[in-house]
Amino acid sequence: QLQLVESGGGLVQPGGSLRLSCAASGFTLDKYTIAWFRQAPGKEREGVSCIKSTDGSRYYADSVKGRFTISRDNAKNTVYLQMNSLKPEDTAVYYCATDLLFRLCVFTNGGYEYNYWGQGTQVTVSS
């Protein structure tokens, strides 16, 4: 059974850092594109970052460029999202997602292209 499990969220002060993990089971993660999305209360889900399976290309939303870094540890079957210089507007539930067929990184449609999602992890940036 294909499963994604996020972890690493928490409460952090502005300017702080967190590293989110997306652990996969039931499939080999490096063969699939993995995307991170987030959803804040009252807002639509938005794409944050993505790493493609085909060539390892990495993509970031403009709002997080230069602050967030996506990486993949094939030995641990896990994708990470390192988040630095966190801002209050980064507060949201963060989800990782993938799909068995869709290999592109697309942020514009709220992630409807991805059919497998984790349960999410809460990130709160507040002083």
Protein backbone atom coordinates (compact mmCIF):
# COMPACT_ATOMS: atom_id res chain seq x y z
CA GLN A 1 0.00 0.00 0.00
CA LEU A 2 1.44 3.33 -1.08
CA GLN A 3 1.72 5.74 1.85
CA LEU A 4 3.31 9.11 2.57
CA VAL A 5 3.92 10.30 6.12
CA GLU A 6 5.00 13.84 6.95
CA SER A 7 6.76 14.85 10.14
CA GLY A 8 8.90 17.64 11.53
CA GLY A 9 6.38 20.40 11.93
CA GLY A 10 6.08 22.51 15.04
CA LEU A 11 6.13 25.97 16.54
CA VAL A 12 9.07 28.19 15.63
CA GLN A 13 9.86 31.86 16.01
CA PRO A 14 10.18 34.13 12.98
CA GLY A 15 13.60 33.71 11.44
CA GLY A 16 13.86 30.15 12.68
CA SER A 17 14.21 26.88 10.81
CA LEU A 18 12.45 23.56 10.52
CA ARG A 19 13.06 20.46 8.44
CA LEU A 20 10.03 18.56 7.27
CA SER A 21 10.25 14.92 6.27
CA CYS A 22 8.09 12.96 3.85
CA ALA A 23 8.67 9.25 4.34
CA ALA A 24 7.36 6.86 1.74
CA SER A 25 6.25 3.26 2.13
CA GLY A 26 4.95 0.82 -0.41
CA PHE A 27 6.93 2.34 -3.25
CA THR A 28 10.42 3.54 -4.11
CA LEU A 29 10.29 7.27 -3.73
CA ASP A 30 13.06 8.22 -6.17
CA LYS A 31 11.01 6.85 -9.07
CA TYR A 32 8.26 9.41 -8.50
CA THR A 33 7.94 13.16 -8.45
CA ILE A 34 7.31 14.47 -4.94
CA ALA A 35 5.68 17.81 -4.30
CA TRP A 36 5.15 19.83 -1.13
CA PHE A 37 1.99 21.87 -0.72
CA ARG A 38 0.66 23.93 2.16
CA GLN A 39 -2.71 25.20 3.24
CA ALA A 40 -3.30 28.00 5.69
CA PRO A 41 -6.67 28.53 7.41
CA GLY A 42 -9.14 30.13 5.04
CA LYS A 43 -6.79 29.91 2.09
CA GLU A 44 -6.47 27.62 -0.89
CA ARG A 45 -3.81 24.95 -1.01
CA GLU A 46 -0.68 26.21 -2.70
CA GLY A 47 2.40 24.54 -4.10
CA VAL A 48 5.65 25.11 -2.25
CA SER A 49 8.35 22.91 -3.76
CA CYS A 50 8.81 19.88 -5.94
CA ILE A 51 11.50 17.44 -7.01
CA LYS A 52 11.10 15.57 -10.27
CA SER A 53 11.73 11.87 -10.57
CA THR A 54 13.09 12.04 -14.12
CA ASP A 55 16.09 14.29 -13.62
CA GLY A 56 15.97 15.49 -10.01
CA SER A 57 15.04 19.03 -11.04
CA ARG A 58 13.83 21.15 -8.15
CA TYR A 59 11.19 23.83 -8.22
CA TYR A 60 10.10 26.42 -5.69
CA ALA A 61 7.25 28.85 -5.32
CA ASP A 62 8.41 32.46 -5.53
CA SER A 63 7.36 33.01 -1.93
CA VAL A 64 9.90 30.48 -0.63
CA LYS A 65 12.78 30.76 -3.10
CA GLY A 66 16.08 31.26 -1.34
CA ARG A 67 14.64 30.11 1.98
CA PHE A 68 13.42 26.55 1.38
CA THR A 69 15.38 23.62 -0.01
CA ILE A 70 13.97 20.29 -1.14
CA SER A 71 16.15 17.19 -1.10
CA ARG A 72 15.83 13.43 -1.37
CA ASP A 73 17.55 10.63 0.55
CA ASN A 74 17.04 7.50 -1.50
CA ALA A 75 18.53 5.24 1.16
CA LYS A 76 15.89 6.41 3.63
CA ASN A 77 13.14 6.65 1.00
CA THR A 78 12.45 10.15 2.28
CA VAL A 79 12.13 13.64 0.85
CA TYR A 80 12.99 16.62 3.02
CA LEU A 81 11.96 20.26 2.98
CA GLN A 82 14.47 22.43 4.80
CA MET A 83 12.79 25.69 5.73
CA ASN A 84 14.96 28.61 6.85
CA SER A 85 14.21 32.25 7.65
CA LEU A 86 10.64 31.32 8.42
CA LYS A 87 8.00 34.01 8.39
CA PRO A 88 4.56 34.15 10.03
CA GLU A 89 3.02 33.83 6.57
CA ASP A 90 4.62 30.39 6.25
CA THR A 91 2.20 29.14 8.91
CA ALA A 92 0.14 26.32 7.41
CA VAL A 93 -0.38 22.60 7.28
CA TYR A 94 2.26 21.16 4.98
CA TYR A 95 1.56 18.12 2.82
CA CYS A 96 3.68 16.01 0.53
CA ALA A 97 2.10 14.45 -2.51
CA THR A 98 2.88 12.20 -5.44
CA ASP A 99 1.26 10.30 -8.26
CA LEU A 100 1.98 6.99 -9.96
CA LEU A 101 1.71 8.42 -13.47
CA PHE A 102 2.10 12.20 -13.29
CA ARG A 103 5.77 13.15 -13.31
CA LEU A 104 5.69 16.92 -13.68
CA CYS A 105 5.97 19.64 -11.06
CA VAL A 106 2.83 21.75 -11.21
CA PHE A 107 1.85 24.33 -8.62
CA THR A 108 -0.99 26.14 -10.33
CA ASN A 109 -3.93 23.85 -9.68
CA GLY A 110 -3.78 23.19 -5.96
CA GLY A 111 -2.23 19.80 -6.53
CA TYR A 112 -5.18 18.02 -8.13
CA GLU A 113 -2.70 16.19 -10.43
CA TYR A 114 -1.32 14.25 -7.46
CA ASN A 115 -3.45 11.41 -6.16
CA TYR A 116 -1.48 10.34 -3.10
CA TRP A 117 -1.16 12.63 -0.12
CA GLY A 118 0.19 12.44 3.38
CA GLN A 119 -1.81 13.47 6.44
CA GLY A 120 0.00 16.78 6.81
CA THR A 121 2.15 18.39 9.48
CA GLN A 122 1.42 21.72 11.15
CA VAL A 123 3.97 24.51 10.91
CA THR A 124 3.36 27.57 13.05
CA VAL A 125 5.66 30.58 12.88
CA SER A 126 4.96 32.95 15.72
CA SER A 127 6.74 34.91 18.41
